[in-house]
Amino acid sequence: MLSVITMQNAMDWGFEFLWEVFAAIDRIKHFPDAWQEFFEGIRRGLVKRFPYGVIYLVDGNAILIFGIAHLHRPPEYYISRIK
């Protein structure tokens, strides 16, 4: 049986993705050191249900978010874009 993707289904998935990204950012705010460093202070907090991560750096009391990245990319990809 084929599934039909409607505009409403696509919007629902988009809102769910956005919700999970905001939830990941909220977890990062509360537990900024919970995720492992993968390069000079840069960390990647995972987005639940989707293969994405929030790339960020803790700088004193601030959290700098560099972007939302697909997990299938090697970490070197993010590092070259951040520098």
Protein backbone atom coordinates (compact mmCIF):
# COMPACT_ATOMS: atom_id res chain seq x y z
CA MET A 1 0.00 0.00 0.00
CA LEU A 2 1.39 3.39 -1.00
CA SER A 3 1.19 6.28 1.35
CA VAL A 4 0.22 9.67 0.00
CA ILE A 5 2.14 12.61 1.39
CA THR A 6 -0.13 15.60 1.59
CA MET A 7 0.78 19.18 2.34
CA GLN A 8 -0.77 18.72 5.81
CA ASN A 9 1.42 15.66 6.50
CA ALA A 10 4.53 17.56 5.43
CA MET A 11 3.58 20.51 7.66
CA ASP A 12 2.95 18.15 10.59
CA TRP A 13 6.42 16.63 10.18
CA GLY A 14 7.94 20.09 9.91
CA PHE A 15 6.27 21.23 13.14
CA GLU A 16 7.31 18.01 14.91
CA PHE A 17 10.91 18.51 13.76
CA LEU A 18 10.88 22.11 14.95
CA TRP A 19 9.39 21.04 18.29
CA GLU A 20 12.16 18.44 18.78
CA VAL A 21 14.86 20.98 17.86
CA PHE A 22 13.53 23.42 20.46
CA ALA A 23 13.35 20.58 23.00
CA ALA A 24 17.01 19.73 22.27
CA ILE A 25 18.00 23.38 22.74
CA ASP A 26 16.10 23.43 26.04
CA ARG A 27 18.01 20.32 27.21
CA ILE A 28 21.27 22.00 26.18
CA LYS A 29 20.33 25.11 28.18
CA HIS A 30 19.74 23.03 31.32
CA PHE A 31 22.64 20.57 30.86
CA PRO A 32 25.23 22.21 28.57
CA ASP A 33 28.04 19.80 29.49
CA ALA A 34 25.96 16.63 29.02
CA TRP A 35 27.22 15.99 25.48
CA GLN A 36 30.73 15.05 24.55
CA GLU A 37 33.11 17.55 22.99
CA PHE A 38 34.13 16.56 19.50
CA PHE A 39 36.41 19.52 18.74
CA GLU A 40 37.89 22.27 20.95
CA GLY A 41 34.81 22.89 23.10
CA ILE A 42 32.30 22.28 20.32
CA ARG A 43 29.53 19.85 21.25
CA ARG A 44 26.59 18.23 19.52
CA GLY A 45 23.26 17.77 21.34
CA LEU A 46 20.99 15.22 19.70
CA VAL A 47 17.51 15.92 18.35
CA LYS A 48 15.12 13.12 19.36
CA ARG A 49 13.26 11.19 16.61
CA PHE A 50 15.30 12.81 13.80
CA PRO A 51 18.90 12.21 12.64
CA TYR A 52 20.01 15.75 13.47
CA GLY A 53 22.11 17.44 16.13
CA VAL A 54 22.46 20.96 17.52
CA ILE A 55 26.08 22.10 17.15
CA TYR A 56 27.04 24.48 19.97
CA LEU A 57 29.79 25.92 22.15
CA VAL A 58 29.57 26.94 25.80
CA ASP A 59 31.25 30.34 26.31
CA GLY A 60 31.06 31.34 29.98
CA ASN A 61 27.37 31.85 30.72
CA ALA A 62 26.43 31.91 27.02
CA ILE A 63 25.67 29.05 24.66
CA LEU A 64 26.55 29.75 21.03
CA ILE A 65 24.55 27.63 18.60
CA PHE A 66 26.26 27.24 15.24
CA GLY A 67 23.55 25.27 13.52
CA ILE A 68 21.42 22.17 13.14
CA ALA A 69 23.29 19.42 11.33
CA HIS A 70 22.47 16.03 9.85
CA LEU A 71 24.21 13.25 11.77
CA HIS A 72 25.39 11.43 8.66
CA ARG A 73 27.91 14.17 7.97
CA PRO A 74 31.38 13.67 9.46
CA PRO A 75 32.29 16.10 12.29
CA GLU A 76 35.05 17.60 10.13
CA TYR A 77 32.31 19.07 7.92
CA TYR A 78 31.00 21.22 10.78
CA ILE A 79 34.44 22.24 11.98
CA SER A 80 35.45 23.58 8.58
CA ARG A 81 32.24 25.66 8.41
CA ILE A 82 32.64 27.05 11.94
CA LYS A 83 36.22 28.30 11.52
